[in-house]
């Protein structure tokens, strides 16, 4: 949990650079790739092959570029632009809660 949350926090600046330099399409595809690899690693993780830390970290790093690249959609409804950007910001903040929920469930013995 701690490593994935730290990876999430440290990837904000590089994500902004990719978004500014290459645009939202490349940034979103990069995030989707990281997120997909993270999901794949979590699906093949077991007691023998422990890819959980890498998978969680890739989920954290991959989710942010997807959300940030969608921020420009607020321009479609200019009268609600502030509300839409606020919703996106809340989605970014709440997305780190998933790791805590998974950690709590695992600590109570709930797993596959």
Foldseek 3Di string as FASTA:
>chain_A
DVLLVVLLVVLPVVLVVCCVPPNLVVLLVVLVVLLVVLVVQVVPDDPVRHCNSVSSNSNSNSVVSNLVRCLVVLVVPVVCSVVSNVVSVVCNVCVVVVVVVVVVCVVVVDDD
